[in-house]
Amino acid sequence: MTGPGLTVRYLRPWRIELTVRPGVPRLRSLAQLARLVDVALRAARPPEPASIGVILSDDAELAALNLQAMGRQGPTDVLSFPLLPPEAFPAHPGRTTTATTVLGTAPPAARPFALPPGARPHLGDIVVSVERAIEQAEQGRGGQTGLVAWDPGDELGLLVVHGVLHLCGWDHAEPEEEAAMRRLETEILADPSWVGA
């Protein structure tokens, strides 16, 4: 399925909506990005089946969203807009939960709103500034530490993975959480299945 700037990929059990804003350069193929989202979702283990949105944009849109959603001035590299509570996802280092991840058996607080039979819950959307990915990579400010000089396509991949993990209840506010999230990001990016797509 496609529309103006929208491509939908089905990689069971996921529906991945990829939107590329006009004028935004393509650093990776949409097939690669869809496979990368698939690898990240499988690692994060959200409820399934589910859908997710990935929007590739620029600094102007990220600056507007950053101000509106976070109250911060200026562009950022990636923003995540989760629709499910953290309790809907499995526990991971740095976060504990008693919720069961199977939607039908989760406590009521961990369930998303009621959906028609067979419908997929939407995990949320991530918005990535491709402009930031290019600049961070070219200036050697990429990677998880901000000290990596690598290809802009690799930086874009990291930002997509980072955003997906945020949708799935991961955070990096505490040192233990940050270390676990960085390890998982590294493992996901090292998975060869997404690069050849």
C-alpha atoms as a PDB file:
ATOM      1  CA  MET A   1       0.000   0.000   0.000  1.00  0.00           C
ATOM      2  CA  THR A   2       1.222   3.473  -0.783  1.00  0.00           C
ATOM      3  CA  GLY A   3       0.018   7.032  -0.790  1.00  0.00           C
ATOM      4  CA  PRO A   4       1.684  10.443  -0.967  1.00  0.00           C
ATOM      5  CA  GLY A   5       4.940   9.728   0.853  1.00  0.00           C
ATOM      6  CA  LEU A   6       3.448   6.668   2.601  1.00  0.00           C
ATOM      7  CA  THR A   7       4.524   3.078   2.150  1.00  0.00           C
ATOM      8  CA  VAL A   8       3.007   0.251   4.179  1.00  0.00           C
ATOM      9  CA  ARG A   9       4.948  -2.976   4.706  1.00  0.00           C
ATOM     10  CA  TYR A  10       3.530  -6.083   6.324  1.00  0.00           C
ATOM     11  CA  LEU A  11       6.184  -8.143   8.084  1.00  0.00           C
ATOM     12  CA  ARG A  12       4.165 -10.569  10.172  1.00  0.00           C
ATOM     13  CA  PRO A  13       2.997  -9.810  12.781  1.00  0.00           C
ATOM     14  CA  TRP A  14       3.668  -6.121  12.152  1.00  0.00           C
ATOM     15  CA  ARG A  15       2.113  -3.447   9.955  1.00  0.00           C
ATOM     16  CA  ILE A  16       4.843  -0.871   9.402  1.00  0.00           C
ATOM     17  CA  GLU A  17       3.811   2.516   8.022  1.00  0.00           C
ATOM     18  CA  LEU A  18       6.775   4.421   6.563  1.00  0.00           C
ATOM     19  CA  THR A  19       6.228   8.057   5.620  1.00  0.00           C
ATOM     20  CA  VAL A  20       8.892  10.125   3.879  1.00  0.00           C
ATOM     21  CA  ARG A  21       8.242  13.860   3.892  1.00  0.00           C
ATOM     22  CA  PRO A  22       8.817  15.711   0.572  1.00  0.00           C
ATOM     23  CA  GLY A  23      12.437  16.669  -0.035  1.00  0.00           C
ATOM     24  CA  VAL A  24      13.841  14.328   2.623  1.00  0.00           C
ATOM     25  CA  PRO A  25      16.820  12.339   1.296  1.00  0.00           C
ATOM     26  CA  ARG A  26      16.718   8.550   1.374  1.00  0.00           C
ATOM     27  CA  LEU A  27      19.719   7.250   3.319  1.00  0.00           C
ATOM     28  CA  ARG A  28      18.405   3.682   3.496  1.00  0.00           C
ATOM     29  CA  SER A  29      15.863   1.842   1.401  1.00  0.00           C
ATOM     30  CA  LEU A  30      12.370   1.617   2.854  1.00  0.00           C
ATOM     31  CA  ALA A  31      12.708  -2.172   2.714  1.00  0.00           C
ATOM     32  CA  GLN A  32      15.809  -1.962   4.940  1.00  0.00           C
ATOM     33  CA  LEU A  33      14.096   0.367   7.386  1.00  0.00           C
ATOM     34  CA  ALA A  34      11.028  -1.882   7.569  1.00  0.00           C
ATOM     35  CA  ARG A  35      13.251  -4.911   8.275  1.00  0.00           C
ATOM     36  CA  LEU A  36      15.130  -2.908  10.923  1.00  0.00           C
ATOM     37  CA  VAL A  37      11.837  -1.979  12.613  1.00  0.00           C
ATOM     38  CA  ASP A  38      10.892  -5.678  12.493  1.00  0.00           C
ATOM     39  CA  VAL A  39      14.173  -6.695  14.177  1.00  0.00           C
ATOM     40  CA  ALA A  40      13.740  -3.983  16.837  1.00  0.00           C
ATOM     41  CA  LEU A  41      10.147  -4.963  17.564  1.00  0.00           C
ATOM     42  CA  ARG A  42      11.048  -8.638  17.894  1.00  0.00           C
ATOM     43  CA  ALA A  43      13.781  -7.696  20.367  1.00  0.00           C
ATOM     44  CA  ALA A  44      11.477  -5.405  22.388  1.00  0.00           C
ATOM     45  CA  ARG A  45       8.594  -7.943  22.341  1.00  0.00           C
ATOM     46  CA  PRO A  46       5.540  -5.674  22.186  1.00  0.00           C
ATOM     47  CA  PRO A  47       2.036  -7.131  22.059  1.00  0.00           C
ATOM     48  CA  GLU A  48       1.417  -8.682  18.675  1.00  0.00           C
ATOM     49  CA  PRO A  49       0.111  -8.277  16.098  1.00  0.00           C
ATOM     50  CA  ALA A  50       0.576  -4.512  16.081  1.00  0.00           C
ATOM     51  CA  SER A  51       1.179  -1.550  13.824  1.00  0.00           C
ATOM     52  CA  ILE A  52       3.767   1.212  14.045  1.00  0.00           C
ATOM     53  CA  GLY A  53       4.406   4.467  12.200  1.00  0.00           C
ATOM     54  CA  VAL A  54       7.831   5.785  11.168  1.00  0.00           C
ATOM     55  CA  ILE A  55       8.022   9.301   9.744  1.00  0.00           C
ATOM     56  CA  LEU A  56      11.246  10.493   8.111  1.00  0.00           C
ATOM     57  CA  SER A  57      11.308  14.276   8.295  1.00  0.00           C
ATOM     58  CA  ASP A  58      13.579  17.296   8.765  1.00  0.00           C
ATOM     59  CA  ASP A  59      14.787  19.663  11.466  1.00  0.00           C
ATOM     60  CA  ALA A  60      11.901  22.100  11.013  1.00  0.00           C
ATOM     61  CA  GLU A  61       9.232  19.505  11.802  1.00  0.00           C
ATOM     62  CA  LEU A  62      11.249  18.015  14.677  1.00  0.00           C
ATOM     63  CA  ALA A  63      11.794  21.488  16.162  1.00  0.00           C
ATOM     64  CA  ALA A  64       8.045  22.178  16.062  1.00  0.00           C
ATOM     65  CA  LEU A  65       7.223  18.778  17.587  1.00  0.00           C
ATOM     66  CA  ASN A  66       9.982  19.134  20.191  1.00  0.00           C
ATOM     67  CA  LEU A  67       8.513  22.437  21.357  1.00  0.00           C
ATOM     68  CA  GLN A  68       4.932  21.182  21.295  1.00  0.00           C
ATOM     69  CA  ALA A  69       5.503  17.769  22.911  1.00  0.00           C
ATOM     70  CA  MET A  70       8.571  18.307  25.085  1.00  0.00           C
ATOM     71  CA  GLY A  71       8.605  22.080  25.690  1.00  0.00           C
ATOM     72  CA  ARG A  72      12.164  22.275  24.322  1.00  0.00           C
ATOM     73  CA  GLN A  73      13.501  24.730  21.760  1.00  0.00           C
ATOM     74  CA  GLY A  74      15.236  23.558  18.603  1.00  0.00           C
ATOM     75  CA  PRO A  75      15.330  20.340  16.622  1.00  0.00           C
ATOM     76  CA  THR A  76      16.095  16.935  18.051  1.00  0.00           C
ATOM     77  CA  ASP A  77      17.024  13.771  16.182  1.00  0.00           C
ATOM     78  CA  VAL A  78      14.088  11.486  17.073  1.00  0.00           C
ATOM     79  CA  LEU A  79      10.818  11.717  18.984  1.00  0.00           C
ATOM     80  CA  SER A  80       8.570   8.830  19.978  1.00  0.00           C
ATOM     81  CA  PHE A  81       4.844   9.069  20.599  1.00  0.00           C
ATOM     82  CA  PRO A  82       3.777   5.828  22.346  1.00  0.00           C
ATOM     83  CA  LEU A  83       0.129   4.869  22.531  1.00  0.00           C
ATOM     84  CA  LEU A  84       0.390   1.950  24.962  1.00  0.00           C
ATOM     85  CA  PRO A  85       1.429   2.240  28.618  1.00  0.00           C
ATOM     86  CA  PRO A  86       4.831   0.811  29.647  1.00  0.00           C
ATOM     87  CA  GLU A  87       3.005  -1.977  31.510  1.00  0.00           C
ATOM     88  CA  ALA A  88       1.865  -3.398  28.138  1.00  0.00           C
ATOM     89  CA  PHE A  89       5.475  -4.484  27.452  1.00  0.00           C
ATOM     90  CA  PRO A  90       7.712  -7.084  29.093  1.00  0.00           C
ATOM     91  CA  ALA A  91       9.862  -6.086  32.039  1.00  0.00           C
ATOM     92  CA  HIS A  92      13.461  -5.291  31.147  1.00  0.00           C
ATOM     93  CA  PRO A  93      16.560  -4.177  33.055  1.00  0.00           C
ATOM     94  CA  GLY A  94      15.928  -0.935  34.871  1.00  0.00           C
ATOM     95  CA  ARG A  95      12.150  -1.259  34.847  1.00  0.00           C
ATOM     96  CA  THR A  96       9.857  -3.662  36.627  1.00  0.00           C
ATOM     97  CA  THR A  97       6.252  -4.398  35.903  1.00  0.00           C
ATOM     98  CA  THR A  98       3.718  -6.974  36.942  1.00  0.00           C
ATOM     99  CA  ALA A  99       1.674  -6.695  33.760  1.00  0.00           C
ATOM    100  CA  THR A 100       1.338  -9.706  31.515  1.00  0.00           C
ATOM    101  CA  THR A 101       2.214  -8.884  27.916  1.00  0.00           C
ATOM    102  CA  VAL A 102      -0.572 -10.918  26.384  1.00  0.00           C
ATOM    103  CA  LEU A 103      -3.265  -8.315  25.832  1.00  0.00           C
ATOM    104  CA  GLY A 104      -6.122 -10.647  26.614  1.00  0.00           C
ATOM    105  CA  THR A 105      -4.726 -11.501  30.051  1.00  0.00           C
ATOM    106  CA  ALA A 106      -3.074  -8.224  31.006  1.00  0.00           C
ATOM    107  CA  PRO A 107      -4.469  -6.241  33.912  1.00  0.00           C
ATOM    108  CA  PRO A 108      -7.041  -3.671  32.717  1.00  0.00           C
ATOM    109  CA  ALA A 109      -4.617  -0.767  33.201  1.00  0.00           C
ATOM    110  CA  ALA A 110      -2.148  -2.381  30.785  1.00  0.00           C
ATOM    111  CA  ARG A 111      -4.655  -3.035  28.017  1.00  0.00           C
ATOM    112  CA  PRO A 112      -5.088  -0.565  25.182  1.00  0.00           C
ATOM    113  CA  PHE A 113      -8.558   0.698  24.407  1.00  0.00           C
ATOM    114  CA  ALA A 114     -10.986  -1.884  23.049  1.00  0.00           C
ATOM    115  CA  LEU A 115     -10.450  -2.832  19.422  1.00  0.00           C
ATOM    116  CA  PRO A 116     -12.683  -4.683  16.994  1.00  0.00           C
ATOM    117  CA  PRO A 117     -11.894  -8.403  16.654  1.00  0.00           C
ATOM    118  CA  GLY A 118      -8.808  -8.981  14.534  1.00  0.00           C
ATOM    119  CA  ALA A 119      -7.673  -5.329  14.694  1.00  0.00           C
ATOM    120  CA  ARG A 120      -4.048  -4.496  15.444  1.00  0.00           C
ATOM    121  CA  PRO A 121      -3.243  -2.079  18.251  1.00  0.00           C
ATOM    122  CA  HIS A 122      -1.090   0.820  17.088  1.00  0.00           C
ATOM    123  CA  LEU A 123       2.071   1.061  19.188  1.00  0.00           C
ATOM    124  CA  GLY A 124       2.580   4.694  18.237  1.00  0.00           C
ATOM    125  CA  ASP A 125       4.701   6.763  15.877  1.00  0.00           C
ATOM    126  CA  ILE A 126       8.298   7.841  15.734  1.00  0.00           C
ATOM    127  CA  VAL A 127       9.502  10.919  13.858  1.00  0.00           C
ATOM    128  CA  VAL A 128      13.144  11.088  12.786  1.00  0.00           C
ATOM    129  CA  SER A 129      15.054  14.087  11.463  1.00  0.00           C
ATOM    130  CA  VAL A 130      17.078  12.763   8.544  1.00  0.00           C
ATOM    131  CA  GLU A 131      18.761  16.167   8.499  1.00  0.00           C
ATOM    132  CA  ARG A 132      20.018  15.565  12.096  1.00  0.00           C
ATOM    133  CA  ALA A 133      21.154  12.031  11.183  1.00  0.00           C
ATOM    134  CA  ILE A 134      23.277  13.386   8.325  1.00  0.00           C
ATOM    135  CA  GLU A 135      24.779  16.214  10.381  1.00  0.00           C
ATOM    136  CA  GLN A 136      25.513  14.057  13.434  1.00  0.00           C
ATOM    137  CA  ALA A 137      27.192  11.391  11.310  1.00  0.00           C
ATOM    138  CA  GLU A 138      29.234  13.835   9.252  1.00  0.00           C
ATOM    139  CA  GLN A 139      30.428  15.752  12.327  1.00  0.00           C
ATOM    140  CA  GLY A 140      31.393  12.581  14.195  1.00  0.00           C
ATOM    141  CA  ARG A 141      28.633  13.141  16.756  1.00  0.00           C
ATOM    142  CA  GLY A 142      26.731   9.962  15.939  1.00  0.00           C
ATOM    143  CA  GLY A 143      26.269   6.681  17.721  1.00  0.00           C
ATOM    144  CA  GLN A 144      25.028   6.113  21.189  1.00  0.00           C
ATOM    145  CA  THR A 145      27.828   8.114  22.784  1.00  0.00           C
ATOM    146  CA  GLY A 146      27.860  11.046  20.376  1.00  0.00           C
ATOM    147  CA  LEU A 147      31.486  10.204  19.526  1.00  0.00           C
ATOM    148  CA  VAL A 148      31.054   7.996  16.460  1.00  0.00           C
ATOM    149  CA  ALA A 149      31.954   9.003  12.915  1.00  0.00           C
ATOM    150  CA  TRP A 150      30.016   6.721  10.600  1.00  0.00           C
ATOM    151  CA  ASP A 151      27.748   6.703   7.583  1.00  0.00           C
ATOM    152  CA  PRO A 152      24.569   8.836   7.820  1.00  0.00           C
ATOM    153  CA  GLY A 153      22.547   5.713   6.925  1.00  0.00           C
ATOM    154  CA  ASP A 154      23.945   3.999  10.030  1.00  0.00           C
ATOM    155  CA  GLU A 155      23.000   6.983  12.172  1.00  0.00           C
ATOM    156  CA  LEU A 156      19.483   6.912  10.700  1.00  0.00           C
ATOM    157  CA  GLY A 157      19.271   3.208  11.564  1.00  0.00           C
ATOM    158  CA  LEU A 158      20.274   3.908  15.158  1.00  0.00           C
ATOM    159  CA  LEU A 159      17.699   6.684  15.478  1.00  0.00           C
ATOM    160  CA  VAL A 160      14.936   4.439  14.126  1.00  0.00           C
ATOM    161  CA  VAL A 161      15.872   1.649  16.570  1.00  0.00           C
ATOM    162  CA  HIS A 162      16.084   4.138  19.451  1.00  0.00           C
ATOM    163  CA  GLY A 163      12.621   5.474  18.634  1.00  0.00           C
ATOM    164  CA  VAL A 164      11.105   1.991  18.347  1.00  0.00           C
ATOM    165  CA  LEU A 165      12.517   1.001  21.741  1.00  0.00           C
ATOM    166  CA  HIS A 166      11.039   4.141  23.314  1.00  0.00           C
ATOM    167  CA  LEU A 167       7.627   3.156  21.912  1.00  0.00           C
ATOM    168  CA  CYS A 168       8.071  -0.226  23.586  1.00  0.00           C
ATOM    169  CA  GLY A 169       8.632   1.104  27.103  1.00  0.00           C
ATOM    170  CA  TRP A 170      12.430   1.479  27.052  1.00  0.00           C
ATOM    171  CA  ASP A 171      14.092   4.562  28.483  1.00  0.00           C
ATOM    172  CA  HIS A 172      17.547   5.805  29.398  1.00  0.00           C
ATOM    173  CA  ALA A 173      16.883   8.119  32.333  1.00  0.00           C
ATOM    174  CA  GLU A 174      18.755   5.875  34.787  1.00  0.00           C
ATOM    175  CA  PRO A 175      22.276   4.459  34.202  1.00  0.00           C
ATOM    176  CA  GLU A 176      21.070   0.840  34.366  1.00  0.00           C
ATOM    177  CA  GLU A 177      18.298   1.536  31.841  1.00  0.00           C
ATOM    178  CA  GLU A 178      20.663   3.412  29.568  1.00  0.00           C
ATOM    179  CA  ALA A 179      23.252   0.622  29.575  1.00  0.00           C
ATOM    180  CA  ALA A 180      20.591  -2.004  28.807  1.00  0.00           C
ATOM    181  CA  MET A 181      19.040   0.108  26.047  1.00  0.00           C
ATOM    182  CA  ARG A 182      22.438   0.795  24.444  1.00  0.00           C
ATOM    183  CA  ARG A 183      23.309  -2.931  24.509  1.00  0.00           C
ATOM    184  CA  LEU A 184      20.016  -3.837  22.870  1.00  0.00           C
ATOM    185  CA  GLU A 185      20.430  -1.121  20.214  1.00  0.00           C
ATOM    186  CA  THR A 186      23.892  -2.501  19.390  1.00  0.00           C
ATOM    187  CA  GLU A 187      22.541  -6.062  19.111  1.00  0.00           C
ATOM    188  CA  ILE A 188      19.691  -4.972  16.842  1.00  0.00           C
ATOM    189  CA  LEU A 189      21.948  -2.965  14.534  1.00  0.00           C
ATOM    190  CA  ALA A 190      24.381  -5.922  14.329  1.00  0.00           C
ATOM    191  CA  ASP A 191      21.631  -8.278  13.106  1.00  0.00           C
ATOM    192  CA  PRO A 192      22.491  -8.891   9.428  1.00  0.00           C
ATOM    193  CA  SER A 193      18.901  -9.686   8.400  1.00  0.00           C
ATOM    194  CA  TRP A 194      17.881  -6.062   7.905  1.00  0.00           C
ATOM    195  CA  VAL A 195      20.863  -4.776   5.901  1.00  0.00           C
ATOM    196  CA  GLY A 196      20.380  -6.983   2.850  1.00  0.00           C
ATOM    197  CA  ALA A 197      16.702  -6.087   2.412  1.00  0.00           C
END
